[in-house]
Protein backbone atom coordinates (compact mmCIF):
# COMPACT_ATOMS: atom_id res chain seq x y z
CA MET A 1 -32.27 -72.83 -43.54
CA ILE A 2 -32.18 -71.86 -39.78
CA VAL A 3 -35.30 -69.72 -40.26
CA LEU A 4 -37.16 -72.66 -41.76
CA ILE A 5 -36.19 -74.91 -38.85
CA VAL A 6 -37.20 -72.32 -36.39
CA VAL A 7 -40.60 -71.84 -38.21
CA LEU A 8 -41.29 -75.75 -38.32
CA LEU A 9 -40.42 -76.02 -34.57
CA ALA A 10 -42.58 -73.14 -33.78
CA GLY A 11 -45.43 -74.69 -35.82
CA PHE A 12 -45.07 -78.11 -34.22
CA PHE A 13 -45.26 -76.56 -30.67
CA VAL A 14 -48.40 -74.56 -31.79
CA TYR A 15 -49.89 -77.80 -33.12
CA VAL A 16 -49.21 -79.64 -29.77
CA LYS A 17 -50.55 -76.66 -27.75
CA MET A 18 -53.77 -76.58 -29.93
CA ASN A 19 -54.46 -80.34 -29.82
CA ASN A 20 -53.56 -80.88 -26.16
CA GLN A 21 -57.07 -80.06 -24.92
CA MET A 22 -58.88 -82.50 -22.66
CA PRO A 23 -61.00 -84.93 -24.71
CA GLU A 24 -64.63 -85.18 -24.04
CA GLY A 25 -66.24 -88.20 -22.51
CA LEU A 26 -63.70 -88.87 -19.79
CA GLY A 27 -65.04 -90.45 -16.58
CA VAL A 28 -67.12 -93.38 -15.85
CA THR A 29 -70.27 -94.06 -17.84
CA ASN A 30 -72.36 -97.10 -16.84
CA GLY A 31 -69.42 -98.71 -15.42
CA GLN A 32 -67.13 -98.09 -18.25
CA LEU A 33 -64.20 -95.70 -18.96
CA LYS A 34 -63.81 -94.08 -22.40
CA LEU A 35 -62.78 -96.60 -25.23
CA CYS A 36 -59.46 -96.24 -26.85
CA PHE A 37 -59.24 -94.97 -30.44
CA SER A 38 -57.44 -97.05 -32.98
CA SER A 39 -54.14 -95.53 -32.38
CA PRO A 40 -51.59 -97.53 -30.26
CA ASN A 41 -51.13 -94.59 -27.65
CA CYS A 42 -53.77 -95.86 -25.27
CA ILE A 43 -54.07 -98.69 -22.86
CA SER A 44 -57.19 -99.73 -21.08
CA THR A 45 -58.07 -102.62 -18.85
CA GLN A 46 -61.56 -102.42 -20.29
CA ALA A 47 -60.45 -102.94 -23.78
CA ASP A 48 -61.55 -106.18 -25.52
CA GLN A 49 -59.14 -108.99 -24.30
CA SER A 50 -58.32 -109.85 -27.90
CA ASP A 51 -56.99 -106.38 -28.53
CA GLU A 52 -53.36 -106.98 -27.85
CA VAL A 53 -52.50 -103.27 -28.66
CA HIS A 54 -54.84 -101.71 -26.11
CA PHE A 55 -55.67 -104.38 -23.56
CA ALA A 56 -54.07 -104.64 -20.12
CA GLU A 57 -55.20 -106.88 -17.20
CA PRO A 58 -57.30 -105.10 -14.65
CA LEU A 59 -55.45 -104.90 -11.22
CA VAL A 60 -56.83 -107.14 -8.48
CA TYR A 61 -56.39 -105.78 -5.00
CA SER A 62 -57.12 -106.93 -1.37
CA GLY A 63 -58.04 -104.53 1.29
CA ASN A 64 -60.08 -101.37 1.47
CA ARG A 65 -61.04 -99.59 -1.80
CA GLN A 66 -60.48 -96.06 -0.30
CA ASP A 67 -57.06 -97.11 0.89
CA VAL A 68 -55.96 -98.53 -2.41
CA GLN A 69 -57.23 -95.36 -4.19
CA LEU A 70 -55.28 -93.18 -1.87
CA ARG A 71 -52.20 -95.25 -2.40
CA ILE A 72 -52.53 -94.76 -6.16
CA GLU A 73 -53.22 -91.11 -5.93
CA ALA A 74 -50.20 -90.58 -3.57
CA TYR A 75 -47.96 -92.53 -6.07
CA MET A 76 -49.24 -90.44 -9.12
CA LEU A 77 -48.68 -87.22 -7.25
CA ARG A 78 -45.14 -88.22 -6.34
CA GLN A 79 -44.63 -88.98 -10.00
CA GLY A 80 -45.46 -85.22 -10.88
CA ALA A 81 -49.04 -85.99 -12.11
CA LYS A 82 -51.64 -83.33 -11.77
CA LEU A 83 -54.91 -84.63 -10.08
CA VAL A 84 -57.73 -83.30 -12.28
CA ASP A 85 -60.78 -84.96 -10.68
CA HIS A 86 -61.55 -87.57 -8.12
CA SER A 87 -64.26 -89.03 -6.08
CA LEU A 88 -64.42 -92.34 -4.11
CA GLY A 89 -63.92 -95.01 -6.83
CA TYR A 90 -62.57 -92.73 -9.59
CA ALA A 91 -59.44 -90.47 -10.14
CA HIS A 92 -58.23 -88.66 -13.28
CA PHE A 93 -54.75 -87.38 -13.74
CA GLU A 94 -52.69 -85.45 -16.33
CA VAL A 95 -49.09 -86.21 -16.94
CA GLU A 96 -47.13 -83.72 -19.12
CA SER A 97 -43.99 -84.83 -20.87
CA ASP A 98 -40.88 -82.81 -20.12
CA ILE A 99 -39.52 -81.78 -23.50
CA VAL A 100 -42.62 -81.44 -25.95
CA GLY A 101 -45.46 -80.93 -23.49
CA TYR A 102 -47.68 -83.77 -24.59
CA ILE A 103 -50.41 -84.45 -22.02
CA ASP A 104 -51.42 -88.07 -21.12
CA ASP A 105 -54.81 -88.61 -19.29
CA ILE A 106 -54.72 -91.51 -16.68
CA GLU A 107 -58.01 -92.66 -15.21
CA PHE A 108 -58.58 -95.10 -12.44
CA TYR A 109 -61.86 -96.65 -11.86
CA LEU A 110 -62.60 -98.93 -8.64
CA PRO A 111 -65.98 -100.26 -8.76
CA LYS A 112 -67.69 -100.54 -5.47
CA SER A 113 -68.78 -104.21 -6.20
CA ASP A 114 -65.25 -105.65 -7.30
CA SER A 115 -61.82 -105.45 -5.70
CA VAL A 116 -60.39 -104.48 -9.05
CA VAL A 117 -58.86 -101.26 -10.49
CA HIS A 118 -59.52 -100.51 -14.09
CA ILE A 119 -56.99 -98.02 -15.82
CA ARG A 120 -57.08 -96.04 -18.92
CA SER A 121 -53.96 -94.31 -19.84
CA ALA A 122 -53.90 -92.35 -23.18
CA SER A 123 -51.93 -89.64 -24.93
CA ARG A 124 -54.00 -86.72 -26.24
CA VAL A 125 -51.68 -85.89 -29.25
CA GLY A 126 -49.87 -88.12 -31.73
CA TYR A 127 -50.02 -91.66 -32.86
CA SER A 128 -47.31 -93.68 -30.93
CA ASP A 129 -46.47 -93.13 -27.44
CA PHE A 130 -43.32 -95.54 -27.60
CA GLY A 131 -44.97 -97.78 -24.91
CA ILE A 132 -45.10 -95.11 -22.22
CA ASN A 133 -48.81 -95.64 -21.25
CA ARG A 134 -48.21 -99.56 -21.10
CA ASP A 135 -45.20 -98.87 -18.91
CA ARG A 136 -47.33 -96.53 -16.59
CA VAL A 137 -49.90 -99.36 -16.18
CA ARG A 138 -47.25 -101.86 -15.25
CA GLN A 139 -45.79 -99.42 -12.69
CA ILE A 140 -49.15 -99.16 -10.97
CA GLN A 141 -49.61 -102.87 -11.24
CA ASN A 142 -46.12 -103.26 -9.34
CA LEU A 143 -47.31 -100.78 -6.88
CA LEU A 144 -50.26 -102.75 -5.89
CA VAL A 145 -48.35 -106.03 -5.71
CA ASP A 146 -45.90 -104.76 -3.26
């Protein structure tokens, strides 16, 4: 019985490792972040407003776009996120869960023409994220309100 449990656990971790690769299509294309798939482990401020599972309100800010982006980046780094890519108006982070090693991709898009931050936070593996991505978006909203 113990051998079976060990084999199942090892298989699970191999599955996670194999499926934890960075998805294609991340970044901003024609002013849009990648769409969420149908699974509830993705939140986006650019999802359709009628999509209660995936939609979150964009974050409106006042002040300088670069300063807001630096504030977000500093916050994410303090939270242990890994900065994957960034340029003025865009940042992509990876956050790895402590126990299982699931990786979430968090993207921020600050269009030059608006004082708004668009966020996409999505898990790479699995179906449900137990609300972690939505909580992450709320934390960023709170950061910009303070």
